[in-house]
Amino acid sequence: MLSAPILYPNMVAMIDRDITGPIAWRGAELGADPGRIRIEADALAEIDALAAELEANPLPLAALRPGDFDLPRLSALMARVSHELEEGHGFVILDRLPIERLALDTARAIYWLLGSMIARPVAQKWDGTMIYDVHDTGRPPGNGVRPDQTNAEQNFHTDNSYNNRSPAYVGLLCVRTARSGGVSHIVSFAAAHNALRRRHGNLLPRLYQPFHFDRQREHAPGDVKTSWHAMFEDHDGRLRARLSRFQVVNGYRLAGAELDADGAAAMAALEEVMNAPGMGVDFHFKPGEMQFLDNRRIGHRRTGFEDWPEAERKRLLVRLWLRNEGRPFYNG
């Protein structure tokens, strides 16, 4: 380990203290089944009534607004979810949408409305795609092929780390699970930051400096292929992160640049800390469960998986990106 602090000519503000509060959790401290909020019978009855109303009055998803429906119980439920995301541990498992008795399009619409109670859905692709199926397409990950379209194991990351304005929150609705694998893991960046500050304090400043990120071809033709962002940011005293080791490695290759030794060491130290025993939490998704997390303060990944051979059984998650800042365009 290096002992001398690394100095940079354009040092930005960084958090040089232990981050405290519920967001700075370690998985070993959270107890059994953390983050789970159950949809109780009265809210489930409201979901059934909402499903009937949606099926009798079809509309495109983008036209659906929570304020157009009478949903007092679901509104109270999602206010609780929002509070947990902002003031609590930064993640929730909402248990669960009765997907076995809902048409898939109806389930998507209800999930869209629930997510919209947290924040505004925004585009997930440059072409304006607003709701996104996470499934294996059979292609290997690479420039233009997002890791979420493969069955490959992922490193901890934040969604859309390479964009100008990444989503504030990410939602995932589990429709179908894989034959094996595909376990979801999450970690608190605040807890990881605290551990880095204690164990690798000399490397921590490098994460507040920019890296090249591969933009995954999600941009106008002829636009630059990489973006230039720091991984950590002091946002009015609150840590924000944007992380993707995969996109950084590709970003430097596309930029024709070499990742500096300090940058590589800082990323390796962060990986080591996030994957340390007792640091994170893992979940085995079940159909109908919804995961919502703060995409700027919680990192997530999943293990590789083996899928079912039958198309109708293959693993399927439906994703929402939620953000009130900026405009709903992909670039914000």
Protein backbone atom coordinates (compact mmCIF):
# COMPACT_ATOMS: atom_id res chain seq x y z
CA MET A 1 0.00 0.00 0.00
CA LEU A 2 1.23 3.52 -0.76
CA SER A 3 1.87 5.67 2.30
CA ALA A 4 2.16 9.18 0.88
CA PRO A 5 -1.00 11.06 -0.16
CA ILE A 6 -1.56 11.46 -3.90
CA LEU A 7 -1.75 15.12 -4.94
CA TYR A 8 -3.61 16.42 -8.01
CA PRO A 9 -3.30 19.86 -9.59
CA ASN A 10 -7.06 20.48 -9.81
CA MET A 11 -8.26 19.00 -6.53
CA VAL A 12 -12.00 19.20 -6.03
CA ALA A 13 -13.92 19.17 -2.78
CA MET A 14 -14.05 15.73 -1.20
CA ILE A 15 -15.61 14.28 1.92
CA ASP A 16 -12.81 13.86 4.46
CA ARG A 17 -14.74 12.42 7.37
CA ASP A 18 -16.67 9.31 8.27
CA ILE A 19 -20.11 9.36 6.67
CA THR A 20 -22.76 8.56 9.27
CA GLY A 21 -26.47 7.82 9.36
CA PRO A 22 -28.62 4.95 8.05
CA ILE A 23 -27.09 5.17 4.55
CA ALA A 24 -23.66 4.13 5.88
CA TRP A 25 -24.77 0.55 6.52
CA ARG A 26 -22.85 -2.69 6.34
CA GLY A 27 -24.84 -5.76 5.40
CA ALA A 28 -23.69 -7.69 8.46
CA GLU A 29 -25.35 -5.05 10.65
CA LEU A 30 -28.78 -5.02 9.00
CA GLY A 31 -30.20 -8.31 10.22
CA ALA A 32 -32.39 -10.74 8.32
CA ASP A 33 -34.41 -9.68 5.26
CA PRO A 34 -33.42 -5.99 5.21
CA GLY A 35 -35.29 -3.38 3.23
CA ARG A 36 -38.45 -5.41 2.73
CA ILE A 37 -41.76 -3.55 2.70
CA ARG A 38 -44.83 -5.69 2.20
CA ILE A 39 -47.87 -4.64 0.20
CA GLU A 40 -50.69 -5.26 2.67
CA ALA A 41 -54.21 -6.47 1.87
CA ASP A 42 -55.82 -3.02 1.56
CA ALA A 43 -53.15 -1.87 -0.91
CA LEU A 44 -53.45 -5.16 -2.83
CA ALA A 45 -57.19 -4.54 -3.16
CA GLU A 46 -56.39 -1.13 -4.58
CA ILE A 47 -53.99 -2.79 -7.07
CA ASP A 48 -56.76 -5.17 -8.20
CA ALA A 49 -59.13 -2.23 -8.75
CA LEU A 50 -56.41 -0.32 -10.59
CA ALA A 51 -55.73 -3.32 -12.85
CA ALA A 52 -59.40 -3.50 -13.82
CA GLU A 53 -59.48 0.24 -14.56
CA LEU A 54 -56.34 0.09 -16.69
CA GLU A 55 -57.60 -2.87 -18.70
CA ALA A 56 -60.90 -1.11 -19.34
CA ASN A 57 -59.16 2.13 -20.36
CA PRO A 58 -55.95 1.38 -22.29
CA LEU A 59 -53.31 4.13 -22.54
CA PRO A 60 -49.63 4.16 -23.50
CA LEU A 61 -47.39 3.92 -20.44
CA ALA A 62 -45.95 7.40 -20.96
CA ALA A 63 -49.46 8.87 -20.65
CA LEU A 64 -50.13 7.28 -17.24
CA ARG A 65 -49.91 9.65 -14.26
CA PRO A 66 -50.57 8.65 -10.63
CA GLY A 67 -52.64 11.81 -10.10
CA ASP A 68 -55.23 10.57 -12.59
CA PHE A 69 -56.19 7.70 -10.29
CA ASP A 70 -57.63 7.47 -6.78
CA LEU A 71 -54.83 5.56 -5.00
CA PRO A 72 -54.65 6.67 -1.34
CA ARG A 73 -53.23 3.41 0.02
CA LEU A 74 -50.65 2.99 -2.71
CA SER A 75 -49.69 6.66 -2.43
CA ALA A 76 -49.05 6.21 1.30
CA LEU A 77 -47.08 3.03 0.61
CA MET A 78 -44.85 4.71 -1.98
CA ALA A 79 -44.32 7.72 0.30
CA ARG A 80 -42.89 5.24 2.79
CA VAL A 81 -40.67 3.77 0.04
CA SER A 82 -39.47 7.25 -0.95
CA HIS A 83 -38.62 8.11 2.64
CA GLU A 84 -36.57 4.93 2.98
CA LEU A 85 -34.68 5.74 -0.23
CA GLU A 86 -33.88 9.30 0.82
CA GLU A 87 -33.57 9.13 4.60
CA GLY A 88 -33.10 5.43 5.32
CA HIS A 89 -30.87 2.71 3.93
CA GLY A 90 -31.33 3.78 0.30
CA PHE A 91 -32.99 0.58 -0.94
CA VAL A 92 -36.33 -1.22 -0.69
CA ILE A 93 -37.69 -4.60 -1.74
CA LEU A 94 -41.41 -4.05 -2.31
CA ASP A 95 -43.17 -7.37 -1.74
CA ARG A 96 -45.04 -7.88 -3.98
CA LEU A 97 -47.08 -7.27 -7.16
CA PRO A 98 -49.51 -10.20 -7.68
CA ILE A 99 -48.04 -10.87 -11.10
CA GLU A 100 -49.54 -14.35 -11.37
CA ARG A 101 -53.03 -12.87 -11.76
CA LEU A 102 -52.07 -9.87 -13.91
CA ALA A 103 -51.51 -9.59 -17.63
CA LEU A 104 -47.89 -8.58 -18.24
CA ASP A 105 -48.87 -5.26 -19.83
CA THR A 106 -51.08 -4.49 -16.83
CA ALA A 107 -48.28 -5.39 -14.41
CA ARG A 108 -45.94 -3.06 -16.29
CA ALA A 109 -48.49 -0.24 -16.11
CA ILE A 110 -49.00 -0.64 -12.36
CA TYR A 111 -45.24 -0.81 -11.80
CA TRP A 112 -44.85 2.36 -13.92
CA LEU A 113 -47.39 4.17 -11.75
CA LEU A 114 -45.76 3.01 -8.52
CA GLY A 115 -42.33 4.11 -9.72
CA SER A 116 -43.78 7.45 -10.85
CA MET A 117 -44.79 8.12 -7.26
CA ILE A 118 -41.07 8.12 -6.35
CA ALA A 119 -39.87 10.32 -9.23
CA ARG A 120 -40.46 10.93 -12.92
CA PRO A 121 -39.53 8.07 -15.30
CA VAL A 122 -36.85 9.13 -17.79
CA ALA A 123 -35.42 7.73 -21.01
CA GLN A 124 -33.11 4.73 -20.68
CA LYS A 125 -31.74 4.88 -24.22
CA TRP A 126 -30.86 7.71 -26.59
CA ASP A 127 -33.84 6.69 -28.78
CA GLY A 128 -36.21 7.58 -25.90
CA THR A 129 -37.00 4.07 -24.58
CA MET A 130 -38.76 4.68 -21.27
CA ILE A 131 -39.18 1.16 -19.88
CA TYR A 132 -36.54 -1.46 -20.41
CA ASP A 133 -36.45 -5.26 -20.36
CA VAL A 134 -33.38 -6.72 -18.65
CA HIS A 135 -32.72 -10.12 -20.21
CA ASP A 136 -30.01 -12.16 -21.91
CA THR A 137 -29.78 -11.54 -25.66
CA GLY A 138 -27.04 -14.16 -26.12
CA ARG A 139 -24.39 -11.57 -27.05
CA PRO A 140 -21.20 -10.89 -25.06
CA PRO A 141 -20.91 -7.52 -23.30
CA GLY A 142 -19.00 -4.80 -25.15
CA ASN A 143 -19.34 -1.39 -26.75
CA GLY A 144 -23.00 -1.17 -27.78
CA VAL A 145 -23.98 -4.29 -25.77
CA ARG A 146 -24.88 -3.40 -22.21
CA PRO A 147 -23.97 -6.01 -19.56
CA ASP A 148 -27.66 -6.16 -18.54
CA GLN A 149 -28.39 -7.70 -21.97
CA THR A 150 -26.12 -10.67 -21.20
CA ASN A 151 -25.93 -13.46 -18.63
CA ALA A 152 -22.38 -12.48 -17.61
CA GLU A 153 -21.45 -11.71 -14.03
CA GLN A 154 -21.33 -8.01 -13.23
CA ASN A 155 -19.13 -5.89 -11.02
CA PHE A 156 -20.67 -3.39 -8.63
CA HIS A 157 -21.86 -0.39 -10.62
CA THR A 158 -24.39 2.40 -10.86
CA ASP A 159 -26.80 2.49 -13.78
CA ASN A 160 -25.94 4.89 -16.60
CA SER A 161 -22.70 5.94 -14.90
CA TYR A 162 -21.42 7.28 -18.23
CA ASN A 163 -24.26 9.71 -18.96
CA ASN A 164 -24.40 13.45 -18.36
CA ARG A 165 -27.16 12.98 -15.78
CA SER A 166 -27.59 9.48 -14.40
CA PRO A 167 -30.91 8.36 -12.85
CA ALA A 168 -31.49 9.20 -9.22
CA TYR A 169 -33.34 5.94 -8.58
CA VAL A 170 -33.53 2.56 -10.30
CA GLY A 171 -36.49 0.21 -10.15
CA LEU A 172 -36.52 -3.47 -11.09
CA LEU A 173 -39.64 -5.61 -11.33
CA CYS A 174 -38.98 -9.35 -11.37
CA VAL A 175 -41.20 -11.12 -13.90
CA ARG A 176 -39.29 -14.40 -14.24
CA THR A 177 -36.14 -15.80 -12.64
CA ALA A 178 -33.29 -17.73 -14.26
CA ARG A 179 -32.83 -21.46 -13.97
CA SER A 180 -29.88 -20.79 -11.65
CA GLY A 181 -27.78 -17.82 -10.59
CA GLY A 182 -28.62 -14.18 -11.21
CA VAL A 183 -28.36 -13.28 -7.51
CA SER A 184 -28.61 -9.54 -6.82
CA HIS A 185 -26.05 -7.87 -4.54
CA ILE A 186 -26.08 -4.28 -3.26
CA VAL A 187 -23.58 -2.21 -1.27
CA SER A 188 -23.56 1.19 0.42
CA PHE A 189 -21.10 3.62 -1.16
CA ALA A 190 -21.04 5.55 2.12
CA ALA A 191 -19.81 2.46 4.00
CA ALA A 192 -17.32 1.72 1.21
CA HIS A 193 -16.08 5.33 1.34
CA ASN A 194 -15.55 5.04 5.11
CA ALA A 195 -13.59 1.82 4.67
CA LEU A 196 -11.49 3.30 1.85
CA ARG A 197 -10.70 6.35 3.95
CA ARG A 198 -9.41 4.12 6.76
CA ARG A 199 -7.56 1.53 4.65
CA HIS A 200 -6.57 3.36 1.46
CA GLY A 201 -6.81 7.04 2.34
CA ASN A 202 -4.01 7.89 -0.09
CA LEU A 203 -6.06 6.49 -3.00
CA LEU A 204 -9.42 8.00 -2.14
CA PRO A 205 -8.74 11.43 -3.76
CA ARG A 206 -8.21 9.78 -7.15
CA LEU A 207 -11.87 8.66 -7.18
CA TYR A 208 -12.90 12.33 -6.98
CA GLN A 209 -10.99 12.97 -10.24
CA PRO A 210 -12.34 12.15 -13.74
CA PHE A 211 -12.15 8.87 -15.64
CA HIS A 212 -13.04 8.02 -19.23
CA PHE A 213 -16.35 6.11 -19.50
CA ASP A 214 -17.59 4.25 -22.57
CA ARG A 215 -20.96 5.79 -23.57
CA GLN A 216 -22.17 2.45 -24.99
CA ARG A 217 -23.12 4.05 -28.35
CA GLU A 218 -26.06 5.74 -26.65
CA HIS A 219 -25.57 9.06 -28.39
CA ALA A 220 -26.15 10.87 -31.66
CA PRO A 221 -24.19 9.66 -34.70
CA GLY A 222 -20.80 11.30 -34.80
CA ASP A 223 -20.85 12.32 -31.12
CA VAL A 224 -17.90 11.50 -28.87
CA LYS A 225 -17.80 7.87 -27.73
CA THR A 226 -16.67 8.54 -24.18
CA SER A 227 -17.57 10.79 -21.27
CA TRP A 228 -15.27 12.20 -18.57
CA HIS A 229 -16.56 11.98 -15.01
CA ALA A 230 -15.36 11.42 -11.47
CA MET A 231 -16.60 8.38 -9.59
CA PHE A 232 -17.19 10.18 -6.29
CA GLU A 233 -18.65 13.64 -5.75
CA ASP A 234 -19.30 15.74 -2.66
CA HIS A 235 -22.82 16.97 -3.40
CA ASP A 236 -23.61 19.50 -0.67
CA GLY A 237 -22.06 17.23 1.93
CA ARG A 238 -23.71 14.09 0.60
CA LEU A 239 -21.71 11.45 -1.27
CA ARG A 240 -22.78 10.72 -4.84
CA ALA A 241 -21.17 8.00 -6.91
CA ARG A 242 -21.09 6.89 -10.52
CA LEU A 243 -19.27 3.61 -11.01
CA SER A 244 -18.69 1.06 -13.74
CA ARG A 245 -15.33 -0.67 -13.96
CA PHE A 246 -16.45 -2.26 -17.23
CA GLN A 247 -17.29 1.09 -18.84
CA VAL A 248 -14.07 2.70 -17.60
CA VAL A 249 -11.88 -0.05 -19.04
CA ASN A 250 -13.71 0.27 -22.38
CA GLY A 251 -13.68 4.06 -22.11
CA TYR A 252 -9.91 4.28 -21.94
CA ARG A 253 -9.58 1.87 -24.86
CA LEU A 254 -11.99 3.94 -26.99
CA ALA A 255 -10.26 7.18 -26.00
CA GLY A 256 -6.87 5.75 -26.98
CA ALA A 257 -5.60 6.53 -23.49
CA GLU A 258 -3.97 4.51 -20.73
CA LEU A 259 -5.52 4.39 -17.27
CA ASP A 260 -3.04 5.91 -14.82
CA ALA A 261 -1.58 3.70 -12.11
CA ASP A 262 -3.30 5.68 -9.33
CA GLY A 263 -6.66 5.32 -11.06
CA ALA A 264 -6.23 1.56 -11.48
CA ALA A 265 -5.13 1.19 -7.85
CA ALA A 266 -8.05 3.28 -6.58
CA MET A 267 -10.58 1.22 -8.57
CA ALA A 268 -9.01 -2.02 -7.32
CA ALA A 269 -9.15 -0.80 -3.72
CA LEU A 270 -12.80 0.16 -4.13
CA GLU A 271 -13.60 -3.29 -5.57
CA GLU A 272 -11.79 -4.94 -2.68
CA VAL A 273 -13.70 -2.93 -0.08
CA MET A 274 -17.13 -3.41 -1.68
CA ASN A 275 -16.65 -7.18 -1.97
CA ALA A 276 -15.31 -7.65 1.56
CA PRO A 277 -17.24 -10.15 3.72
CA GLY A 278 -20.13 -8.56 5.58
CA MET A 279 -20.13 -5.38 3.49
CA GLY A 280 -23.09 -5.97 1.14
CA VAL A 281 -26.50 -7.61 1.03
CA ASP A 282 -27.73 -10.19 -1.45
CA PHE A 283 -31.26 -10.92 -2.70
CA HIS A 284 -32.81 -13.83 -4.55
CA PHE A 285 -35.55 -12.12 -6.56
CA LYS A 286 -38.98 -13.72 -6.73
CA PRO A 287 -41.60 -12.96 -9.39
CA GLY A 288 -43.60 -9.86 -8.49
CA GLU A 289 -40.97 -8.37 -6.19
CA MET A 290 -39.78 -4.85 -6.96
CA GLN A 291 -36.42 -3.45 -5.97
CA PHE A 292 -36.00 0.32 -5.74
CA LEU A 293 -32.64 1.84 -4.87
CA ASP A 294 -30.86 5.17 -4.74
CA ASN A 295 -28.64 4.89 -7.80
CA ARG A 296 -26.21 7.54 -6.57
CA ARG A 297 -25.60 6.09 -3.12
CA ILE A 298 -26.10 2.32 -3.56
CA GLY A 299 -24.03 0.12 -5.86
CA HIS A 300 -25.50 -3.05 -7.32
CA ARG A 301 -24.44 -6.09 -9.30
CA ARG A 302 -25.61 -9.60 -10.04
CA THR A 303 -23.97 -12.96 -10.46
CA GLY A 304 -23.89 -14.72 -13.81
CA PHE A 305 -26.79 -17.01 -14.53
CA GLU A 306 -27.93 -20.03 -16.52
CA ASP A 307 -31.28 -19.48 -18.20
CA TRP A 308 -34.12 -21.77 -19.12
CA PRO A 309 -34.12 -23.14 -22.68
CA GLU A 310 -37.78 -22.21 -23.26
CA ALA A 311 -38.33 -18.60 -24.39
CA GLU A 312 -41.43 -18.17 -22.22
CA ARG A 313 -39.48 -19.13 -19.07
CA LYS A 314 -36.36 -17.03 -19.58
CA ARG A 315 -35.24 -14.57 -16.92
CA LEU A 316 -36.95 -11.18 -17.27
CA LEU A 317 -36.70 -8.06 -15.15
CA VAL A 318 -38.35 -4.77 -16.11
CA ARG A 319 -36.39 -1.64 -15.30
CA LEU A 320 -37.33 1.97 -14.61
CA TRP A 321 -34.99 4.93 -14.32
CA LEU A 322 -36.40 7.72 -12.16
CA ARG A 323 -35.15 11.30 -11.86
CA ASN A 324 -36.77 14.67 -11.19
CA GLU A 325 -33.66 16.70 -12.06
CA GLY A 326 -33.20 17.98 -15.59
CA ARG A 327 -35.47 16.94 -18.45
CA PRO A 328 -36.74 13.43 -19.24
CA PHE A 329 -34.47 13.10 -22.29
CA TYR A 330 -31.76 10.45 -22.10
CA ASN A 331 -29.07 13.11 -21.65
CA GLY A 332 -31.15 14.94 -19.06
